[in-house]
């Protein structure tokens, strides 16, 4: 056996993984990425950021006081949806600080709840299975190509790896990888 785990027992490797994960969780908390308080600065478009502009249309629609403003927000939402190739309904329940740096192919069911400061990469699907939809906690990172289906809760500061298929709950601070997803603590 070669590599980092050479000569270690399974228990030692699991202990090392737990310690490494705890240190990563402490680093995330130290960076100020809260699971409760949204960081609205993350949503501001700087230059050509179609994902941020798509999210801006959701915020404008939610805050519109008149029918004309809502209709204009819907028109802009349709434009930016076509540009990005993302299917994020305008009435989605998405908390502040939402970031989609590469929005191409993102599909979110309208009933999905997304917590504050979440980061979702391209080709992610958050959809219905068996009548239930996912709920994302705060400061969740979902890697490219991941699929989260059904009445699943992704805990605060959790990570879903690229191309993972999540059909079960992911505890706070844990990482889900694989198809079907396995939980790493």
N, C-alpha and C. Protein backbone atom coordinates (compact mmCIF):
# COMPACT_ATOMS: atom_id res chain seq x y z
N UNK A 1 0.85 -1.18 0.00
CA UNK A 1 0.00 0.00 0.00
C UNK A 1 0.89 1.23 0.00
N UNK A 2 0.57 2.21 -0.85
CA UNK A 2 1.38 3.42 -0.90
C UNK A 2 0.48 4.63 -0.70
N UNK A 3 1.10 5.79 -0.49
CA UNK A 3 0.33 7.02 -0.33
C UNK A 3 0.25 7.44 1.12
N UNK A 4 -0.69 8.34 1.38
CA UNK A 4 -0.82 8.93 2.71
C UNK A 4 -1.28 7.93 3.76
N UNK A 5 -2.06 6.94 3.38
CA UNK A 5 -2.61 6.01 4.35
C UNK A 5 -1.75 4.78 4.58
N UNK A 6 -0.55 4.74 4.00
CA UNK A 6 0.31 3.56 4.09
C UNK A 6 0.67 3.26 5.54
N UNK A 7 0.48 2.02 5.96
CA UNK A 7 0.89 1.58 7.27
C UNK A 7 -0.06 1.98 8.40
N UNK A 8 -1.18 2.59 8.09
CA UNK A 8 -2.12 3.01 9.13
C UNK A 8 -3.31 2.05 9.16
N UNK A 9 -3.86 1.90 10.35
CA UNK A 9 -5.06 1.07 10.47
C UNK A 9 -6.27 1.88 10.01
N UNK A 10 -7.38 1.19 9.82
CA UNK A 10 -8.60 1.87 9.42
C UNK A 10 -9.04 2.89 10.44
N UNK A 11 -8.89 2.56 11.72
CA UNK A 11 -9.28 3.49 12.79
C UNK A 11 -8.42 4.75 12.75
N UNK A 12 -7.11 4.60 12.53
CA UNK A 12 -6.23 5.76 12.46
C UNK A 12 -6.58 6.65 11.27
N UNK A 13 -6.88 6.02 10.12
CA UNK A 13 -7.25 6.80 8.94
C UNK A 13 -8.55 7.57 9.19
N UNK A 14 -9.55 6.92 9.82
CA UNK A 14 -10.82 7.59 10.11
C UNK A 14 -10.60 8.75 11.08
N UNK A 15 -9.75 8.57 12.08
CA UNK A 15 -9.44 9.64 13.03
C UNK A 15 -8.79 10.81 12.31
N UNK A 16 -7.84 10.52 11.42
CA UNK A 16 -7.18 11.57 10.65
C UNK A 16 -8.18 12.32 9.79
N UNK A 17 -9.11 11.58 9.15
CA UNK A 17 -10.12 12.22 8.30
C UNK A 17 -11.02 13.12 9.14
N UNK A 18 -11.44 12.66 10.32
CA UNK A 18 -12.29 13.45 11.20
C UNK A 18 -11.58 14.74 11.62
N UNK A 19 -10.30 14.63 11.99
CA UNK A 19 -9.54 15.80 12.40
C UNK A 19 -9.37 16.79 11.24
N UNK A 20 -9.09 16.27 10.05
CA UNK A 20 -8.94 17.14 8.88
C UNK A 20 -10.25 17.84 8.57
N UNK A 21 -11.36 17.09 8.68
CA UNK A 21 -12.67 17.69 8.40
C UNK A 21 -12.99 18.77 9.43
N UNK A 22 -12.71 18.52 10.71
CA UNK A 22 -12.96 19.51 11.76
C UNK A 22 -12.15 20.77 11.50
N UNK A 23 -10.91 20.61 11.04
CA UNK A 23 -10.08 21.77 10.76
C UNK A 23 -10.64 22.56 9.58
N UNK A 24 -11.14 21.86 8.54
CA UNK A 24 -11.75 22.56 7.40
C UNK A 24 -13.01 23.30 7.84
N UNK A 25 -13.81 22.69 8.72
CA UNK A 25 -15.02 23.33 9.22
C UNK A 25 -14.67 24.58 10.02
N UNK A 26 -13.61 24.51 10.85
CA UNK A 26 -13.17 25.68 11.60
C UNK A 26 -12.71 26.80 10.66
N UNK A 27 -12.01 26.42 9.57
CA UNK A 27 -11.55 27.41 8.60
C UNK A 27 -12.74 28.11 7.95
N UNK A 28 -13.78 27.32 7.58
CA UNK A 28 -14.96 27.90 6.95
C UNK A 28 -15.65 28.87 7.90
N UNK A 29 -15.74 28.50 9.16
CA UNK A 29 -16.37 29.38 10.13
C UNK A 29 -15.53 30.64 10.33
N UNK A 30 -14.20 30.51 10.26
CA UNK A 30 -13.31 31.65 10.47
C UNK A 30 -13.37 32.63 9.30
N UNK A 31 -13.73 32.18 8.10
CA UNK A 31 -13.79 33.06 6.94
C UNK A 31 -15.00 33.97 6.98
N UNK A 32 -15.91 33.74 7.92
CA UNK A 32 -17.07 34.60 8.03
C UNK A 32 -18.25 34.14 7.21
N UNK A 33 -18.20 32.98 6.59
CA UNK A 33 -19.32 32.47 5.83
C UNK A 33 -20.32 31.86 6.79
N UNK A 34 -21.31 32.62 7.12
CA UNK A 34 -22.29 32.21 8.11
C UNK A 34 -23.34 31.30 7.50
N UNK A 35 -23.88 30.42 8.33
CA UNK A 35 -24.98 29.58 7.92
C UNK A 35 -26.31 30.23 8.26
N UNK A 36 -26.26 31.41 8.89
CA UNK A 36 -27.48 32.07 9.34
C UNK A 36 -27.65 33.46 8.71
N UNK A 37 -26.61 34.27 8.76
CA UNK A 37 -26.67 35.64 8.24
C UNK A 37 -26.21 35.68 6.78
N UNK A 38 -27.09 36.11 5.85
CA UNK A 38 -26.68 36.17 4.45
C UNK A 38 -25.65 37.26 4.19
N UNK A 39 -24.69 36.95 3.34
CA UNK A 39 -23.69 37.92 2.90
C UNK A 39 -24.13 38.43 1.53
N UNK A 40 -24.85 39.54 1.52
CA UNK A 40 -25.45 40.05 0.29
C UNK A 40 -24.40 40.49 -0.73
N UNK A 41 -23.17 40.76 -0.30
CA UNK A 41 -22.11 41.17 -1.23
C UNK A 41 -21.80 40.09 -2.25
N UNK A 42 -22.05 38.82 -1.89
CA UNK A 42 -21.77 37.71 -2.80
C UNK A 42 -22.63 37.76 -4.05
N UNK A 43 -23.79 38.38 -3.97
CA UNK A 43 -24.73 38.39 -5.09
C UNK A 43 -24.52 39.53 -6.08
N UNK A 44 -23.70 40.51 -5.76
CA UNK A 44 -23.53 41.64 -6.65
C UNK A 44 -22.70 41.26 -7.87
N UNK A 45 -23.20 41.66 -9.04
CA UNK A 45 -22.52 41.36 -10.30
C UNK A 45 -21.36 42.32 -10.50
N UNK A 46 -20.20 41.75 -10.77
CA UNK A 46 -19.01 42.53 -11.08
C UNK A 46 -18.61 42.16 -12.50
N UNK A 47 -18.90 43.04 -13.44
CA UNK A 47 -18.60 42.72 -14.84
C UNK A 47 -19.61 41.73 -15.40
N UNK A 48 -19.13 40.84 -16.24
CA UNK A 48 -19.99 39.86 -16.90
C UNK A 48 -20.16 38.65 -15.98
N UNK A 49 -21.21 38.68 -15.19
CA UNK A 49 -21.54 37.58 -14.28
C UNK A 49 -23.02 37.24 -14.47
N UNK A 50 -23.35 36.45 -15.49
CA UNK A 50 -24.76 36.16 -15.77
C UNK A 50 -25.49 35.49 -14.61
N UNK A 51 -24.80 34.67 -13.84
CA UNK A 51 -25.44 34.01 -12.70
C UNK A 51 -25.91 35.03 -11.68
N UNK A 52 -25.07 36.02 -11.39
CA UNK A 52 -25.44 37.06 -10.43
C UNK A 52 -26.59 37.91 -10.97
N UNK A 53 -26.60 38.13 -12.27
CA UNK A 53 -27.68 38.93 -12.87
C UNK A 53 -29.00 38.15 -12.85
N UNK A 54 -28.93 36.84 -13.02
CA UNK A 54 -30.13 36.01 -12.91
C UNK A 54 -30.69 36.07 -11.48
N UNK A 55 -29.81 35.95 -10.49
CA UNK A 55 -30.24 36.04 -9.09
C UNK A 55 -30.81 37.43 -8.80
N UNK A 56 -30.22 38.47 -9.39
CA UNK A 56 -30.74 39.83 -9.18
C UNK A 56 -32.19 39.94 -9.65
N UNK A 57 -32.54 39.25 -10.75
CA UNK A 57 -33.93 39.30 -11.22
C UNK A 57 -34.88 38.65 -10.21
N UNK A 58 -34.42 37.58 -9.53
CA UNK A 58 -35.24 36.95 -8.49
C UNK A 58 -35.48 37.94 -7.36
N UNK A 59 -34.43 38.61 -6.93
CA UNK A 59 -34.54 39.58 -5.83
C UNK A 59 -35.45 40.75 -6.22
N UNK A 60 -35.31 41.22 -7.48
CA UNK A 60 -36.16 42.32 -7.94
C UNK A 60 -37.63 41.90 -7.97
N UNK A 61 -37.91 40.69 -8.41
CA UNK A 61 -39.29 40.20 -8.46
C UNK A 61 -39.86 40.08 -7.04
N UNK A 62 -39.04 39.57 -6.12
CA UNK A 62 -39.50 39.41 -4.74
C UNK A 62 -39.78 40.76 -4.08
N UNK A 63 -39.01 41.77 -4.42
CA UNK A 63 -39.15 43.08 -3.79
C UNK A 63 -40.03 44.06 -4.54
N UNK A 64 -40.55 43.65 -5.70
CA UNK A 64 -41.36 44.56 -6.52
C UNK A 64 -42.66 44.91 -5.80
N UNK A 65 -43.01 46.19 -5.86
CA UNK A 65 -44.23 46.67 -5.21
C UNK A 65 -45.37 46.86 -6.20
N UNK A 66 -45.04 46.93 -7.48
CA UNK A 66 -46.10 47.15 -8.47
C UNK A 66 -46.09 46.02 -9.50
N UNK A 67 -47.21 45.89 -10.19
CA UNK A 67 -47.33 44.88 -11.23
C UNK A 67 -46.39 45.11 -12.38
N UNK A 68 -46.15 46.38 -12.71
CA UNK A 68 -45.25 46.72 -13.80
C UNK A 68 -43.82 46.29 -13.47
N UNK A 69 -43.39 46.56 -12.25
CA UNK A 69 -42.03 46.18 -11.83
C UNK A 69 -41.88 44.66 -11.84
N UNK A 70 -42.91 43.95 -11.42
CA UNK A 70 -42.86 42.48 -11.44
C UNK A 70 -42.77 41.96 -12.87
N UNK A 71 -43.55 42.54 -13.77
CA UNK A 71 -43.54 42.10 -15.17
C UNK A 71 -42.17 42.36 -15.80
N UNK A 72 -41.57 43.49 -15.46
CA UNK A 72 -40.23 43.80 -15.98
C UNK A 72 -39.20 42.81 -15.42
N UNK A 73 -39.34 42.47 -14.14
CA UNK A 73 -38.43 41.48 -13.53
C UNK A 73 -38.60 40.11 -14.19
N UNK A 74 -39.84 39.74 -14.51
CA UNK A 74 -40.09 38.46 -15.19
C UNK A 74 -39.44 38.46 -16.57
N UNK A 75 -39.56 39.55 -17.30
CA UNK A 75 -38.95 39.67 -18.62
C UNK A 75 -37.43 39.51 -18.54
N UNK A 76 -36.82 40.21 -17.57
CA UNK A 76 -35.36 40.10 -17.38
C UNK A 76 -34.98 38.69 -16.95
N UNK A 77 -35.80 38.08 -16.09
CA UNK A 77 -35.54 36.71 -15.64
C UNK A 77 -35.54 35.74 -16.81
N UNK A 78 -36.49 35.88 -17.71
CA UNK A 78 -36.54 35.00 -18.90
C UNK A 78 -35.30 35.20 -19.77
N UNK A 79 -34.87 36.45 -19.92
CA UNK A 79 -33.66 36.73 -20.71
C UNK A 79 -32.44 36.06 -20.08
N UNK A 80 -32.22 36.29 -18.77
CA UNK A 80 -31.03 35.75 -18.12
C UNK A 80 -31.11 34.22 -17.97
N UNK A 81 -32.32 33.68 -17.89
CA UNK A 81 -32.46 32.22 -17.88
C UNK A 81 -32.01 31.62 -19.21
N UNK A 82 -32.37 32.29 -20.31
CA UNK A 82 -31.94 31.82 -21.63
C UNK A 82 -30.43 31.97 -21.81
N UNK A 83 -29.88 33.08 -21.34
CA UNK A 83 -28.44 33.31 -21.46
C UNK A 83 -27.66 32.28 -20.66
N UNK A 84 -28.09 32.00 -19.44
CA UNK A 84 -27.35 31.09 -18.56
C UNK A 84 -27.67 29.63 -18.79
N UNK A 85 -28.85 29.33 -19.33
CA UNK A 85 -29.25 27.94 -19.49
C UNK A 85 -29.67 27.32 -18.17
N UNK A 86 -30.01 28.16 -17.20
CA UNK A 86 -30.41 27.68 -15.87
C UNK A 86 -31.93 27.70 -15.76
N UNK A 87 -32.47 26.73 -15.03
CA UNK A 87 -33.91 26.66 -14.78
C UNK A 87 -34.15 26.88 -13.29
N UNK A 88 -34.17 28.14 -12.90
CA UNK A 88 -34.41 28.53 -11.51
C UNK A 88 -35.69 29.36 -11.52
N UNK A 89 -36.79 28.81 -11.02
CA UNK A 89 -38.06 29.55 -11.06
C UNK A 89 -37.97 30.87 -10.32
N UNK A 90 -38.70 31.85 -10.81
CA UNK A 90 -38.64 33.19 -10.25
C UNK A 90 -39.19 33.26 -8.83
N UNK A 91 -40.05 32.31 -8.46
CA UNK A 91 -40.62 32.32 -7.12
C UNK A 91 -39.91 31.35 -6.18
N UNK A 92 -38.67 31.02 -6.47
CA UNK A 92 -37.89 30.10 -5.64
C UNK A 92 -37.64 30.67 -4.26
N UNK A 93 -37.49 29.78 -3.27
CA UNK A 93 -37.23 30.18 -1.88
C UNK A 93 -35.72 30.12 -1.64
N UNK A 94 -35.02 31.14 -2.12
CA UNK A 94 -33.56 31.18 -2.03
C UNK A 94 -33.16 32.33 -1.11
N UNK A 95 -32.44 32.00 -0.05
CA UNK A 95 -31.98 33.02 0.90
C UNK A 95 -30.82 33.81 0.31
N UNK A 96 -30.44 34.87 0.99
CA UNK A 96 -29.40 35.77 0.52
C UNK A 96 -28.02 35.16 0.50
N UNK A 97 -27.14 35.77 -0.27
CA UNK A 97 -25.77 35.30 -0.40
C UNK A 97 -25.62 34.12 -1.34
N UNK A 98 -26.65 33.83 -2.14
CA UNK A 98 -26.64 32.71 -3.08
C UNK A 98 -25.66 33.00 -4.21
N UNK A 99 -24.81 32.03 -4.52
CA UNK A 99 -23.78 32.24 -5.53
C UNK A 99 -23.79 31.08 -6.53
N UNK A 100 -23.89 31.43 -7.82
CA UNK A 100 -23.81 30.44 -8.89
C UNK A 100 -22.80 30.96 -9.92
N UNK A 101 -21.52 30.67 -9.71
CA UNK A 101 -20.49 31.22 -10.60
C UNK A 101 -20.59 30.70 -12.03
N UNK A 102 -21.05 29.47 -12.21
CA UNK A 102 -21.21 28.87 -13.54
C UNK A 102 -22.63 28.32 -13.62
N UNK A 103 -23.62 29.14 -13.99
CA UNK A 103 -25.02 28.74 -13.86
C UNK A 103 -25.54 27.77 -14.91
N UNK A 104 -24.74 27.45 -15.91
CA UNK A 104 -25.21 26.61 -17.01
C UNK A 104 -25.75 25.26 -16.51
N UNK A 105 -26.97 24.95 -16.85
CA UNK A 105 -27.55 23.64 -16.58
C UNK A 105 -28.10 23.45 -15.18
N UNK A 106 -28.14 24.47 -14.35
CA UNK A 106 -28.68 24.32 -13.00
C UNK A 106 -30.20 24.22 -13.07
N UNK A 107 -30.76 23.22 -12.39
CA UNK A 107 -32.21 23.03 -12.34
C UNK A 107 -32.62 22.97 -10.87
N UNK A 108 -33.52 23.85 -10.47
CA UNK A 108 -34.00 23.89 -9.09
C UNK A 108 -35.52 23.83 -9.10
N UNK A 109 -36.08 22.87 -8.38
CA UNK A 109 -37.54 22.76 -8.25
C UNK A 109 -38.06 23.98 -7.49
N UNK A 110 -39.25 24.50 -7.86
CA UNK A 110 -39.75 25.72 -7.21
C UNK A 110 -39.96 25.60 -5.70
N UNK A 111 -40.19 24.40 -5.17
CA UNK A 111 -40.45 24.24 -3.74
C UNK A 111 -39.19 24.03 -2.90
N UNK A 112 -38.04 23.92 -3.54
CA UNK A 112 -36.78 23.71 -2.82
C UNK A 112 -36.47 24.94 -1.98
N UNK A 113 -35.99 24.72 -0.75
CA UNK A 113 -35.56 25.82 0.12
C UNK A 113 -34.04 25.84 0.18
N UNK A 114 -33.46 26.99 -0.15
CA UNK A 114 -32.01 27.14 -0.14
C UNK A 114 -31.64 28.14 0.95
N UNK A 115 -30.77 27.73 1.87
CA UNK A 115 -30.35 28.58 2.97
C UNK A 115 -29.39 29.66 2.55
N UNK A 116 -28.98 30.51 3.48
CA UNK A 116 -28.09 31.62 3.15
C UNK A 116 -26.67 31.17 2.80
N UNK A 117 -26.04 31.94 1.91
CA UNK A 117 -24.63 31.79 1.54
C UNK A 117 -24.29 30.45 0.90
N UNK A 118 -25.22 29.88 0.14
CA UNK A 118 -24.96 28.61 -0.55
C UNK A 118 -24.25 28.87 -1.87
N UNK A 119 -23.46 27.90 -2.30
CA UNK A 119 -22.70 27.97 -3.54
C UNK A 119 -23.04 26.73 -4.35
N UNK A 120 -23.55 26.93 -5.57
CA UNK A 120 -23.93 25.82 -6.44
C UNK A 120 -23.22 25.98 -7.77
N UNK A 121 -22.56 24.91 -8.20
CA UNK A 121 -21.85 24.94 -9.47
C UNK A 121 -22.73 24.41 -10.61
N UNK A 122 -22.18 24.33 -11.81
CA UNK A 122 -22.93 24.01 -13.01
C UNK A 122 -23.51 22.59 -13.00
N UNK A 123 -24.60 22.43 -13.76
CA UNK A 123 -25.27 21.15 -14.00
C UNK A 123 -25.76 20.46 -12.73
N UNK A 124 -26.15 21.22 -11.73
CA UNK A 124 -26.69 20.68 -10.49
C UNK A 124 -28.21 20.59 -10.61
N UNK A 125 -28.77 19.50 -10.11
CA UNK A 125 -30.23 19.33 -10.08
C UNK A 125 -30.68 19.17 -8.64
N UNK A 126 -31.61 20.01 -8.23
CA UNK A 126 -32.26 19.91 -6.93
C UNK A 126 -33.72 19.65 -7.24
N UNK A 127 -34.15 18.39 -7.12
CA UNK A 127 -35.47 18.06 -7.61
C UNK A 127 -36.31 17.17 -6.72
N UNK A 128 -37.52 16.92 -7.19
CA UNK A 128 -38.52 16.15 -6.46
C UNK A 128 -38.31 14.65 -6.67
N UNK A 129 -38.60 13.92 -5.60
CA UNK A 129 -38.59 12.46 -5.67
C UNK A 129 -39.56 11.97 -4.61
N UNK A 130 -40.55 11.20 -5.01
CA UNK A 130 -41.51 10.67 -4.06
C UNK A 130 -42.33 11.75 -3.38
N UNK A 131 -42.56 12.85 -4.05
CA UNK A 131 -43.37 13.92 -3.50
C UNK A 131 -42.65 14.91 -2.62
N UNK A 132 -41.37 14.69 -2.33
CA UNK A 132 -40.62 15.60 -1.47
C UNK A 132 -39.51 16.30 -2.23
N UNK A 133 -39.08 17.44 -1.71
CA UNK A 133 -37.99 18.20 -2.33
C UNK A 133 -36.91 18.48 -1.29
N UNK A 134 -35.68 18.73 -1.74
CA UNK A 134 -34.58 18.99 -0.80
C UNK A 134 -34.70 20.32 -0.08
N UNK A 135 -34.02 20.39 1.05
CA UNK A 135 -33.87 21.62 1.81
C UNK A 135 -32.38 21.78 2.13
N UNK A 136 -31.80 22.88 1.69
CA UNK A 136 -30.38 23.14 1.93
C UNK A 136 -30.23 24.08 3.12
N UNK A 137 -29.33 23.72 4.02
CA UNK A 137 -29.02 24.58 5.16
C UNK A 137 -28.18 25.77 4.70
N UNK A 138 -27.55 26.43 5.64
CA UNK A 138 -26.73 27.59 5.33
C UNK A 138 -25.31 27.21 4.97
N UNK A 139 -24.71 27.98 4.05
CA UNK A 139 -23.34 27.81 3.61
C UNK A 139 -23.05 26.39 3.13
N UNK A 140 -23.91 25.90 2.24
CA UNK A 140 -23.75 24.58 1.63
C UNK A 140 -23.06 24.76 0.29
N UNK A 141 -22.12 23.88 -0.02
CA UNK A 141 -21.45 23.89 -1.31
C UNK A 141 -21.87 22.64 -2.06
N UNK A 142 -22.36 22.81 -3.30
CA UNK A 142 -22.75 21.67 -4.13
C UNK A 142 -21.90 21.69 -5.39
N UNK A 143 -21.13 20.63 -5.59
CA UNK A 143 -20.20 20.53 -6.71
C UNK A 143 -20.89 20.29 -8.04
N UNK A 144 -20.14 20.47 -9.11
CA UNK A 144 -20.65 20.37 -10.47
C UNK A 144 -21.25 18.99 -10.74
N UNK A 145 -22.41 18.98 -11.37
CA UNK A 145 -23.05 17.76 -11.80
C UNK A 145 -23.75 16.97 -10.71
N UNK A 146 -23.81 17.50 -9.50
CA UNK A 146 -24.45 16.77 -8.39
C UNK A 146 -25.97 16.78 -8.56
N UNK A 147 -26.60 15.73 -8.02
CA UNK A 147 -28.05 15.59 -8.06
C UNK A 147 -28.52 15.34 -6.64
N UNK A 148 -29.46 16.16 -6.16
CA UNK A 148 -30.03 16.02 -4.83
C UNK A 148 -31.53 15.87 -5.02
N UNK A 149 -32.07 14.70 -4.67
CA UNK A 149 -33.48 14.41 -4.93
C UNK A 149 -34.23 13.99 -3.68
N UNK A 150 -35.49 14.38 -3.60
CA UNK A 150 -36.38 13.92 -2.55
C UNK A 150 -36.34 14.76 -1.30
N UNK A 151 -37.01 14.25 -0.27
CA UNK A 151 -37.10 14.95 1.02
C UNK A 151 -35.79 14.82 1.77
N UNK A 152 -34.78 15.48 1.27
CA UNK A 152 -33.44 15.39 1.81
C UNK A 152 -33.09 16.72 2.45
N UNK A 153 -32.43 16.66 3.60
CA UNK A 153 -31.94 17.87 4.25
C UNK A 153 -30.42 17.86 4.21
N UNK A 154 -29.86 18.91 3.65
CA UNK A 154 -28.41 19.08 3.62
C UNK A 154 -28.08 20.08 4.73
N UNK A 155 -27.33 19.65 5.73
CA UNK A 155 -27.04 20.47 6.91
C UNK A 155 -26.13 21.64 6.63
N UNK A 156 -26.06 22.55 7.59
CA UNK A 156 -25.21 23.73 7.48
C UNK A 156 -23.75 23.34 7.27
N UNK A 157 -23.06 24.09 6.43
CA UNK A 157 -21.62 23.91 6.13
C UNK A 157 -21.32 22.54 5.52
N UNK A 158 -22.31 21.88 4.94
CA UNK A 158 -22.07 20.58 4.30
C UNK A 158 -21.54 20.79 2.88
N UNK A 159 -20.90 19.75 2.36
CA UNK A 159 -20.36 19.78 1.00
C UNK A 159 -20.90 18.55 0.26
N UNK A 160 -21.40 18.78 -0.95
CA UNK A 160 -21.83 17.68 -1.82
C UNK A 160 -20.84 17.68 -2.97
N UNK A 161 -20.12 16.57 -3.13
CA UNK A 161 -19.08 16.48 -4.14
C UNK A 161 -19.62 16.47 -5.56
N UNK A 162 -18.73 16.72 -6.50
CA UNK A 162 -19.10 16.73 -7.91
C UNK A 162 -19.65 15.37 -8.32
N UNK A 163 -20.72 15.39 -9.08
CA UNK A 163 -21.38 14.20 -9.63
C UNK A 163 -21.95 13.26 -8.58
N UNK A 164 -22.11 13.72 -7.35
CA UNK A 164 -22.72 12.89 -6.31
C UNK A 164 -24.23 12.82 -6.55
N UNK A 165 -24.83 11.70 -6.19
CA UNK A 165 -26.27 11.53 -6.25
C UNK A 165 -26.75 11.35 -4.81
N UNK A 166 -27.35 12.40 -4.25
CA UNK A 166 -27.73 12.41 -2.85
C UNK A 166 -29.21 12.07 -2.71
N UNK A 167 -29.49 10.96 -2.01
CA UNK A 167 -30.86 10.52 -1.76
C UNK A 167 -31.15 10.39 -0.28
N UNK A 168 -30.19 10.79 0.56
CA UNK A 168 -30.35 10.71 2.01
C UNK A 168 -29.84 12.00 2.64
N UNK A 169 -30.23 12.24 3.88
CA UNK A 169 -29.81 13.46 4.58
C UNK A 169 -28.29 13.51 4.73
N UNK A 170 -27.75 14.73 4.66
CA UNK A 170 -26.33 14.96 4.89
C UNK A 170 -26.22 15.82 6.14
N UNK A 171 -25.59 15.31 7.20
CA UNK A 171 -25.51 16.08 8.45
C UNK A 171 -24.68 17.36 8.28
N UNK A 172 -24.86 18.28 9.21
CA UNK A 172 -24.12 19.53 9.19
C UNK A 172 -22.62 19.26 9.23
N UNK A 173 -21.89 19.94 8.35
CA UNK A 173 -20.44 19.83 8.32
C UNK A 173 -19.90 18.60 7.64
N UNK A 174 -20.76 17.72 7.14
CA UNK A 174 -20.32 16.48 6.50
C UNK A 174 -20.13 16.69 5.00
N UNK A 175 -19.51 15.70 4.37
CA UNK A 175 -19.30 15.70 2.93
C UNK A 175 -19.95 14.47 2.33
N UNK A 176 -20.67 14.65 1.22
CA UNK A 176 -21.32 13.54 0.53
C UNK A 176 -20.66 13.38 -0.83
N UNK A 177 -20.19 12.17 -1.13
CA UNK A 177 -19.54 11.90 -2.40
C UNK A 177 -20.02 10.55 -2.95
N UNK A 178 -20.01 10.43 -4.27
CA UNK A 178 -20.30 9.16 -4.92
C UNK A 178 -21.72 9.02 -5.42
N UNK A 179 -21.96 7.85 -6.04
CA UNK A 179 -23.27 7.52 -6.59
C UNK A 179 -23.61 6.09 -6.22
N UNK A 180 -24.53 5.85 -5.29
CA UNK A 180 -25.22 6.82 -4.44
C UNK A 180 -24.25 7.41 -3.43
N UNK A 181 -24.60 8.58 -2.94
CA UNK A 181 -23.68 9.34 -2.08
C UNK A 181 -23.41 8.63 -0.76
N UNK A 182 -22.14 8.65 -0.37
CA UNK A 182 -21.71 8.16 0.93
C UNK A 182 -21.33 9.38 1.75
N UNK A 183 -21.64 9.32 3.03
CA UNK A 183 -21.38 10.45 3.91
C UNK A 183 -20.02 10.29 4.59
N UNK A 184 -19.17 11.31 4.44
CA UNK A 184 -17.88 11.35 5.13
C UNK A 184 -17.97 12.39 6.23
N UNK A 185 -17.61 12.02 7.43
CA UNK A 185 -17.72 12.96 8.56
C UNK A 185 -16.39 13.62 8.83
